[in-house]
PDB file of N, CA and C in Angstrom:
ATOM      1  N   MET A   1     -22.431  10.423  66.352  1.00  0.00           N
ATOM      2  CA  MET A   1     -21.085  10.167  66.847  1.00  0.00           C
ATOM      3  C   MET A   1     -20.120   9.341  66.096  1.00  0.00           C
ATOM      4  N   ARG A   2     -18.979   9.696  65.981  1.00  0.00           N
ATOM      5  CA  ARG A   2     -18.005   9.099  65.110  1.00  0.00           C
ATOM      6  C   ARG A   2     -17.518   7.766  65.966  1.00  0.00           C
ATOM      7  N   ASN A   3     -17.344   6.688  65.048  1.00  0.00           N
ATOM      8  CA  ASN A   3     -16.614   5.479  65.490  1.00  0.00           C
ATOM      9  C   ASN A   3     -15.395   5.655  66.040  1.00  0.00           C
ATOM     10  N   GLN A   4     -15.203   5.472  67.179  1.00  0.00           N
ATOM     11  CA  GLN A   4     -13.820   5.784  67.954  1.00  0.00           C
ATOM     12  C   GLN A   4     -12.775   4.659  67.682  1.00  0.00           C
ATOM     13  N   ASP A   5     -13.345   3.451  66.968  1.00  0.00           N
ATOM     14  CA  ASP A   5     -12.297   2.542  66.619  1.00  0.00           C
ATOM     15  C   ASP A   5     -12.832   1.933  65.309  1.00  0.00           C
ATOM     16  N   PRO A   6     -12.299   2.960  64.147  1.00  0.00           N
ATOM     17  CA  PRO A   6     -12.644   2.483  62.903  1.00  0.00           C
ATOM     18  C   PRO A   6     -11.910   1.179  62.412  1.00  0.00           C
ATOM     19  N   GLN A   7     -12.469   0.371  61.578  1.00  0.00           N
ATOM     20  CA  GLN A   7     -11.923  -0.722  60.955  1.00  0.00           C
ATOM     21  C   GLN A   7     -10.852  -0.467  59.845  1.00  0.00           C
ATOM     22  N   ILE A   8     -11.121   0.577  59.250  1.00  0.00           N
ATOM     23  CA  ILE A   8     -10.124   1.085  58.101  1.00  0.00           C
ATOM     24  C   ILE A   8     -10.006   2.620  58.322  1.00  0.00           C
ATOM     25  N   VAL A   9      -8.916   3.068  57.860  1.00  0.00           N
ATOM     26  CA  VAL A   9      -8.629   4.439  58.027  1.00  0.00           C
ATOM     27  C   VAL A   9      -8.308   4.779  56.534  1.00  0.00           C
ATOM     28  N   LEU A  10      -9.276   5.338  55.743  1.00  0.00           N
ATOM     29  CA  LEU A  10      -9.144   5.732  54.428  1.00  0.00           C
ATOM     30  C   LEU A  10      -9.893   7.089  54.348  1.00  0.00           C
ATOM     31  N   CYS A  11      -9.371   7.770  53.495  1.00  0.00           N
ATOM     32  CA  CYS A  11      -9.923   9.174  53.079  1.00  0.00           C
ATOM     33  C   CYS A  11     -10.697   9.054  51.710  1.00  0.00           C
ATOM     34  N   GLY A  12     -11.945   9.441  51.702  1.00  0.00           N
ATOM     35  CA  GLY A  12     -12.583   9.196  50.517  1.00  0.00           C
ATOM     36  C   GLY A  12     -12.501  10.344  49.537  1.00  0.00           C
ATOM     37  N   HIS A  13     -11.450  10.425  48.670  1.00  0.00           N
ATOM     38  CA  HIS A  13     -11.176  11.467  47.772  1.00  0.00           C
ATOM     39  C   HIS A  13     -11.189  10.566  46.236  1.00  0.00           C
ATOM     40  N   TRP A  14     -11.956  10.935  45.610  1.00  0.00           N
ATOM     41  CA  TRP A  14     -12.009   9.954  44.345  1.00  0.00           C
ATOM     42  C   TRP A  14     -11.465  10.571  43.101  1.00  0.00           C
ATOM     43  N   ILE A  15     -10.899   9.598  42.184  1.00  0.00           N
ATOM     44  CA  ILE A  15     -10.558   9.962  41.010  1.00  0.00           C
ATOM     45  C   ILE A  15     -11.251   9.003  40.105  1.00  0.00           C
ATOM     46  N   TYR A  16     -12.015   9.538  38.925  1.00  0.00           N
ATOM     47  CA  TYR A  16     -12.639   8.750  38.012  1.00  0.00           C
ATOM     48  C   TYR A  16     -12.091   8.657  36.842  1.00  0.00           C
ATOM     49  N   PHE A  17     -11.797   7.323  36.178  1.00  0.00           N
ATOM     50  CA  PHE A  17     -11.206   7.075  35.025  1.00  0.00           C
ATOM     51  C   PHE A  17     -12.367   6.344  34.289  1.00  0.00           C
ATOM     52  N   TYR A  18     -12.931   6.786  33.066  1.00  0.00           N
ATOM     53  CA  TYR A  18     -13.818   6.009  32.338  1.00  0.00           C
ATOM     54  C   TYR A  18     -13.306   5.758  30.880  1.00  0.00           C
ATOM     55  N   ASP A  19     -13.935   4.631  30.275  1.00  0.00           N
ATOM     56  CA  ASP A  19     -13.496   4.351  28.975  1.00  0.00           C
ATOM     57  C   ASP A  19     -14.553   5.050  28.135  1.00  0.00           C
ATOM     58  N   SER A  20     -14.552   5.020  26.827  1.00  0.00           N
ATOM     59  CA  SER A  20     -15.457   5.810  25.948  1.00  0.00           C
ATOM     60  C   SER A  20     -16.769   5.414  25.991  1.00  0.00           C
ATOM     61  N   ALA A  21     -17.218   4.322  26.679  1.00  0.00           N
ATOM     62  CA  ALA A  21     -18.604   4.079  26.850  1.00  0.00           C
ATOM     63  C   ALA A  21     -19.242   4.899  27.771  1.00  0.00           C
ATOM     64  N   VAL A  22     -18.530   5.779  28.470  1.00  0.00           N
ATOM     65  CA  VAL A  22     -19.221   6.776  29.300  1.00  0.00           C
ATOM     66  C   VAL A  22     -20.029   7.671  28.495  1.00  0.00           C
ATOM     67  N   PHE A  23     -19.578   8.120  27.298  1.00  0.00           N
ATOM     68  CA  PHE A  23     -20.424   8.950  26.374  1.00  0.00           C
ATOM     69  C   PHE A  23     -21.730   8.451  26.000  1.00  0.00           C
ATOM     70  N   ASP A  24     -21.828   7.103  25.823  1.00  0.00           N
ATOM     71  CA  ASP A  24     -23.146   6.374  25.652  1.00  0.00           C
ATOM     72  C   ASP A  24     -24.035   6.409  26.829  1.00  0.00           C
ATOM     73  N   ILE A  25     -23.473   6.318  27.901  1.00  0.00           N
ATOM     74  CA  ILE A  25     -24.077   6.288  29.393  1.00  0.00           C
ATOM     75  C   ILE A  25     -24.514   7.669  29.442  1.00  0.00           C
ATOM     76  N   ILE A  26     -23.858   8.813  29.364  1.00  0.00           N
ATOM     77  CA  ILE A  26     -24.234  10.223  29.408  1.00  0.00           C
ATOM     78  C   ILE A  26     -25.538  10.450  28.662  1.00  0.00           C
ATOM     79  N   LYS A  27     -25.524   9.908  27.487  1.00  0.00           N
ATOM     80  CA  LYS A  27     -26.690  10.382  26.576  1.00  0.00           C
ATOM     81  C   LYS A  27     -28.014   9.687  27.129  1.00  0.00           C
ATOM     82  N   THR A  28     -27.968   8.683  27.900  1.00  0.00           N
ATOM     83  CA  THR A  28     -29.113   7.982  28.703  1.00  0.00           C
ATOM     84  C   THR A  28     -29.625   8.772  29.877  1.00  0.00           C
ATOM     85  N   LEU A  29     -28.643   9.630  30.537  1.00  0.00           N
ATOM     86  CA  LEU A  29     -29.146  10.227  31.829  1.00  0.00           C
ATOM     87  C   LEU A  29     -30.156  11.266  31.756  1.00  0.00           C
ATOM     88  N   LYS A  30     -31.008  11.265  32.736  1.00  0.00           N
ATOM     89  CA  LYS A  30     -31.822  12.463  32.959  1.00  0.00           C
ATOM     90  C   LYS A  30     -31.294  13.320  34.086  1.00  0.00           C
ATOM     91  N   PRO A  31     -31.456  14.662  34.002  1.00  0.00           N
ATOM     92  CA  PRO A  31     -31.182  15.428  35.084  1.00  0.00           C
ATOM     93  C   PRO A  31     -31.818  15.224  36.352  1.00  0.00           C
ATOM     94  N   SER A  32     -30.913  15.353  37.478  1.00  0.00           N
ATOM     95  CA  SER A  32     -31.504  15.207  38.734  1.00  0.00           C
ATOM     96  C   SER A  32     -32.468  16.429  39.240  1.00  0.00           C
ATOM     97  N   GLY A  33     -32.966  16.306  40.575  1.00  0.00           N
ATOM     98  CA  GLY A  33     -33.785  17.292  41.016  1.00  0.00           C
ATOM     99  C   GLY A  33     -33.149  18.661  40.958  1.00  0.00           C
ATOM    100  N   ARG A  34     -31.770  18.608  40.868  1.00  0.00           N
ATOM    101  CA  ARG A  34     -30.985  19.752  40.857  1.00  0.00           C
ATOM    102  C   ARG A  34     -30.635  20.426  39.558  1.00  0.00           C
ATOM    103  N   GLY A  35     -31.323  19.629  38.481  1.00  0.00           N
ATOM    104  CA  GLY A  35     -31.216  19.995  37.111  1.00  0.00           C
ATOM    105  C   GLY A  35     -29.798  19.707  36.476  1.00  0.00           C
ATOM    106  N   GLU A  36     -29.111  18.651  37.124  1.00  0.00           N
ATOM    107  CA  GLU A  36     -27.782  18.518  36.670  1.00  0.00           C
ATOM    108  C   GLU A  36     -27.539  16.930  36.497  1.00  0.00           C
ATOM    109  N   LEU A  37     -26.738  16.641  35.563  1.00  0.00           N
ATOM    110  CA  LEU A  37     -26.479  15.236  35.455  1.00  0.00           C
ATOM    111  C   LEU A  37     -25.560  14.765  36.529  1.00  0.00           C
ATOM    112  N   GLU A  38     -25.597  13.671  37.224  1.00  0.00           N
ATOM    113  CA  GLU A  38     -25.044  13.424  38.416  1.00  0.00           C
ATOM    114  C   GLU A  38     -23.911  12.337  38.078  1.00  0.00           C
ATOM    115  N   ILE A  39     -22.761  12.479  38.631  1.00  0.00           N
ATOM    116  CA  ILE A  39     -21.574  11.396  38.468  1.00  0.00           C
ATOM    117  C   ILE A  39     -21.965  10.038  38.981  1.00  0.00           C
ATOM    118  N   THR A  40     -22.899  10.293  40.149  1.00  0.00           N
ATOM    119  CA  THR A  40     -23.214   8.899  40.776  1.00  0.00           C
ATOM    120  C   THR A  40     -23.955   8.095  39.891  1.00  0.00           C
ATOM    121  N   ASP A  41     -24.981   8.962  38.949  1.00  0.00           N
ATOM    122  CA  ASP A  41     -25.679   7.907  38.080  1.00  0.00           C
ATOM    123  C   ASP A  41     -24.809   7.312  36.951  1.00  0.00           C
ATOM    124  N   VAL A  42     -23.702   7.943  36.619  1.00  0.00           N
ATOM    125  CA  VAL A  42     -22.715   7.205  35.687  1.00  0.00           C
ATOM    126  C   VAL A  42     -22.136   6.092  36.380  1.00  0.00           C
ATOM    127  N   ASN A  43     -21.811   6.199  37.558  1.00  0.00           N
ATOM    128  CA  ASN A  43     -20.982   5.194  38.330  1.00  0.00           C
ATOM    129  C   ASN A  43     -21.921   4.004  38.531  1.00  0.00           C
ATOM    130  N   ASN A  44     -23.349   4.317  38.842  1.00  0.00           N
ATOM    131  CA  ASN A  44     -24.420   3.310  39.105  1.00  0.00           C
ATOM    132  C   ASN A  44     -24.536   2.497  37.954  1.00  0.00           C
ATOM    133  N   ARG A  45     -24.344   3.047  36.732  1.00  0.00           N
ATOM    134  CA  ARG A  45     -24.577   2.275  35.463  1.00  0.00           C
ATOM    135  C   ARG A  45     -23.432   1.374  35.239  1.00  0.00           C
ATOM    136  N   TYR A  46     -22.139   1.908  35.562  1.00  0.00           N
ATOM    137  CA  TYR A  46     -21.170   0.805  35.496  1.00  0.00           C
ATOM    138  C   TYR A  46     -21.190  -0.295  36.550  1.00  0.00           C
ATOM    139  N   ILE A  47     -21.643   0.113  37.690  1.00  0.00           N
ATOM    140  CA  ILE A  47     -21.903  -0.946  38.729  1.00  0.00           C
ATOM    141  C   ILE A  47     -23.103  -2.008  38.187  1.00  0.00           C
ATOM    142  N   GLU A  48     -24.122  -1.427  37.586  1.00  0.00           N
ATOM    143  CA  GLU A  48     -25.180  -2.326  37.106  1.00  0.00           C
ATOM    144  C   GLU A  48     -24.741  -3.365  36.071  1.00  0.00           C
ATOM    145  N   LYS A  49     -23.620  -2.887  35.188  1.00  0.00           N
ATOM    146  CA  LYS A  49     -23.303  -3.621  34.122  1.00  0.00           C
ATOM    147  C   LYS A  49     -21.924  -4.595  34.722  1.00  0.00           C
ATOM    148  N   GLY A  50     -21.577  -4.554  35.860  1.00  0.00           N
ATOM    149  CA  GLY A  50     -20.561  -5.185  36.506  1.00  0.00           C
ATOM    150  C   GLY A  50     -19.169  -4.693  35.978  1.00  0.00           C
ATOM    151  N   LEU A  51     -19.006  -3.600  35.624  1.00  0.00           N
ATOM    152  CA  LEU A  51     -17.817  -2.928  35.036  1.00  0.00           C
ATOM    153  C   LEU A  51     -17.084  -1.891  36.039  1.00  0.00           C
ATOM    154  N   MET A  52     -17.748  -1.748  37.199  1.00  0.00           N
ATOM    155  CA  MET A  52     -17.126  -0.731  38.132  1.00  0.00           C
ATOM    156  C   MET A  52     -15.887  -1.491  38.728  1.00  0.00           C
ATOM    157  N   THR A  53     -14.701  -0.796  38.844  1.00  0.00           N
ATOM    158  CA  THR A  53     -13.726  -1.251  39.561  1.00  0.00           C
ATOM    159  C   THR A  53     -12.987  -0.144  40.292  1.00  0.00           C
ATOM    160  N   PHE A  54     -12.063  -0.535  41.286  1.00  0.00           N
ATOM    161  CA  PHE A  54     -11.510   0.511  42.165  1.00  0.00           C
ATOM    162  C   PHE A  54     -10.087  -0.022  42.444  1.00  0.00           C
ATOM    163  N   ASP A  55      -9.331   0.954  42.894  1.00  0.00           N
ATOM    164  CA  ASP A  55      -8.009   0.796  43.412  1.00  0.00           C
ATOM    165  C   ASP A  55      -7.678   1.687  44.493  1.00  0.00           C
ATOM    166  N   ILE A  56      -6.884   1.293  45.516  1.00  0.00           N
ATOM    167  CA  ILE A  56      -6.457   2.419  46.544  1.00  0.00           C
ATOM    168  C   ILE A  56      -5.080   2.832  46.152  1.00  0.00           C
ATOM    169  N   LEU A  57      -4.936   4.128  46.142  1.00  0.00           N
ATOM    170  CA  LEU A  57      -3.757   4.972  45.521  1.00  0.00           C
ATOM    171  C   LEU A  57      -2.952   5.093  46.969  1.00  0.00           C
ATOM    172  N   ASP A  58      -1.785   4.765  46.898  1.00  0.00           N
ATOM    173  CA  ASP A  58      -0.915   4.850  48.193  1.00  0.00           C
ATOM    174  C   ASP A  58       0.009   6.033  47.851  1.00  0.00           C
ATOM    175  N   GLY A  59       0.412   6.955  48.818  1.00  0.00           N
ATOM    176  CA  GLY A  59       1.521   7.555  48.694  1.00  0.00           C
ATOM    177  C   GLY A  59       1.428   9.037  48.295  1.00  0.00           C
ATOM    178  N   TRP A  60       0.350   9.575  47.679  1.00  0.00           N
ATOM    179  CA  TRP A  60       0.035  11.025  47.224  1.00  0.00           C
ATOM    180  C   TRP A  60      -1.302  11.412  47.274  1.00  0.00           C
ATOM    181  N   TRP A  61      -1.451  12.767  47.333  1.00  0.00           N
ATOM    182  CA  TRP A  61      -2.847  13.278  47.163  1.00  0.00           C
ATOM    183  C   TRP A  61      -2.416  14.514  46.432  1.00  0.00           C
ATOM    184  N   THR A  62      -3.213  14.954  45.475  1.00  0.00           N
ATOM    185  CA  THR A  62      -3.080  16.408  44.913  1.00  0.00           C
ATOM    186  C   THR A  62      -4.321  16.994  44.603  1.00  0.00           C
ATOM    187  N   ASP A  63      -4.569  18.334  44.577  1.00  0.00           N
ATOM    188  CA  ASP A  63      -5.704  18.979  44.053  1.00  0.00           C
ATOM    189  C   ASP A  63      -5.749  19.000  42.561  1.00  0.00           C
ATOM    190  N   ALA A  64      -6.794  19.187  41.950  1.00  0.00           N
ATOM    191  CA  ALA A  64      -6.733  19.351  40.269  1.00  0.00           C
ATOM    192  C   ALA A  64      -7.409  20.529  39.936  1.00  0.00           C
ATOM    193  N   GLY A  65      -7.667  21.574  40.782  1.00  0.00           N
ATOM    194  CA  GLY A  65      -8.352  22.766  40.537  1.00  0.00           C
ATOM    195  C   GLY A  65      -7.686  23.890  39.737  1.00  0.00           C
ATOM    196  N   THR A  66      -6.365  23.804  39.363  1.00  0.00           N
ATOM    197  CA  THR A  66      -5.921  24.567  38.531  1.00  0.00           C
ATOM    198  C   THR A  66      -5.251  23.770  37.430  1.00  0.00           C
ATOM    199  N   PHE A  67      -4.710  24.419  36.389  1.00  0.00           N
ATOM    200  CA  PHE A  67      -4.160  23.936  35.118  1.00  0.00           C
ATOM    201  C   PHE A  67      -2.730  23.172  35.706  1.00  0.00           C
ATOM    202  N   GLU A  68      -2.077  23.859  36.583  1.00  0.00           N
ATOM    203  CA  GLU A  68      -0.788  23.139  36.963  1.00  0.00           C
ATOM    204  C   GLU A  68      -1.079  22.120  37.778  1.00  0.00           C
ATOM    205  N   SER A  69      -2.111  22.128  38.812  1.00  0.00           N
ATOM    206  CA  SER A  69      -2.464  20.946  39.724  1.00  0.00           C
ATOM    207  C   SER A  69      -2.913  19.721  38.966  1.00  0.00           C
ATOM    208  N   LEU A  70      -3.780  20.190  37.850  1.00  0.00           N
ATOM    209  CA  LEU A  70      -4.430  19.041  36.920  1.00  0.00           C
ATOM    210  C   LEU A  70      -3.275  18.281  36.276  1.00  0.00           C
ATOM    211  N   HIS A  71      -2.323  18.991  35.755  1.00  0.00           N
ATOM    212  CA  HIS A  71      -1.231  18.420  35.132  1.00  0.00           C
ATOM    213  C   HIS A  71      -0.463  17.560  36.067  1.00  0.00           C
ATOM    214  N   ARG A  72      -0.204  17.887  37.462  1.00  0.00           N
ATOM    215  CA  ARG A  72       0.436  17.201  38.291  1.00  0.00           C
ATOM    216  C   ARG A  72      -0.441  15.820  38.516  1.00  0.00           C
ATOM    217  N   ALA A  73      -1.730  15.938  38.624  1.00  0.00           N
ATOM    218  CA  ALA A  73      -2.539  14.978  38.938  1.00  0.00           C
ATOM    219  C   ALA A  73      -2.464  13.898  37.913  1.00  0.00           C
ATOM    220  N   ASN A  74      -2.560  14.455  36.578  1.00  0.00           N
ATOM    221  CA  ASN A  74      -2.416  13.385  35.490  1.00  0.00           C
ATOM    222  C   ASN A  74      -1.146  12.786  35.478  1.00  0.00           C
ATOM    223  N   THR A  75      -0.029  13.431  35.765  1.00  0.00           N
ATOM    224  CA  THR A  75       1.337  12.876  35.735  1.00  0.00           C
ATOM    225  C   THR A  75       1.381  11.893  36.826  1.00  0.00           C
ATOM    226  N   LEU A  76       0.993  12.120  38.070  1.00  0.00           N
ATOM    227  CA  LEU A  76       0.811  11.024  39.115  1.00  0.00           C
ATOM    228  C   LEU A  76       0.166   9.947  38.816  1.00  0.00           C
ATOM    229  N   GLY A  77      -1.071  10.172  38.236  1.00  0.00           N
ATOM    230  CA  GLY A  77      -1.957   9.140  37.821  1.00  0.00           C
ATOM    231  C   GLY A  77      -1.596   8.252  36.683  1.00  0.00           C
ATOM    232  N   CYS A  78      -0.728   9.020  35.622  1.00  0.00           N
ATOM    233  CA  CYS A  78      -0.449   8.169  34.561  1.00  0.00           C
ATOM    234  C   CYS A  78       1.054   8.601  34.298  1.00  0.00           C
ATOM    235  N   PRO A  79       1.993   7.989  35.159  1.00  0.00           N
ATOM    236  CA  PRO A  79       3.474   8.470  35.014  1.00  0.00           C
ATOM    237  C   PRO A  79       3.945   8.260  33.812  1.00  0.00           C
ATOM    238  N   GLU A  80       3.693   7.192  32.977  1.00  0.00           N
ATOM    239  CA  GLU A  80       4.310   6.870  31.708  1.00  0.00           C
ATOM    240  C   GLU A  80       3.696   8.066  30.618  1.00  0.00           C
ATOM    241  N   ARG A  81       2.843   8.902  30.905  1.00  0.00           N
ATOM    242  CA  ARG A  81       2.531  10.029  29.962  1.00  0.00           C
ATOM    243  C   ARG A  81       2.962  11.439  30.611  1.00  0.00           C
ATOM    244  N   GLY A  82       3.690  11.378  31.790  1.00  0.00           N
ATOM    245  CA  GLY A  82       3.891  12.583  32.474  1.00  0.00           C
ATOM    246  C   GLY A  82       5.206  13.336  32.002  1.00  0.00           C
ATOM    247  N   GLN A  83       5.684  12.823  30.811  1.00  0.00           N
ATOM    248  CA  GLN A  83       7.034  13.427  30.269  1.00  0.00           C
ATOM    249  C   GLN A  83       6.880  14.943  30.305  1.00  0.00           C
TER     250      GLN A  83
END
């Protein structure tokens, strides 16, 4: 049963931004039981190294499933590059 009085009201949609170290991390990963590399394993490595950070975005949401919506997401996420 869902909590009828939640302490926070946030929706869990995630946007991941990584530095170039992500490629070194990916090289160390082993496929999961599904036979795929898992983004959770990447995130866990950043957490283990004390490098994971987060922020709460306020004011918009967009899909990134098409080229147009991906461009919109990039423009919203990095407005200085959205020319």
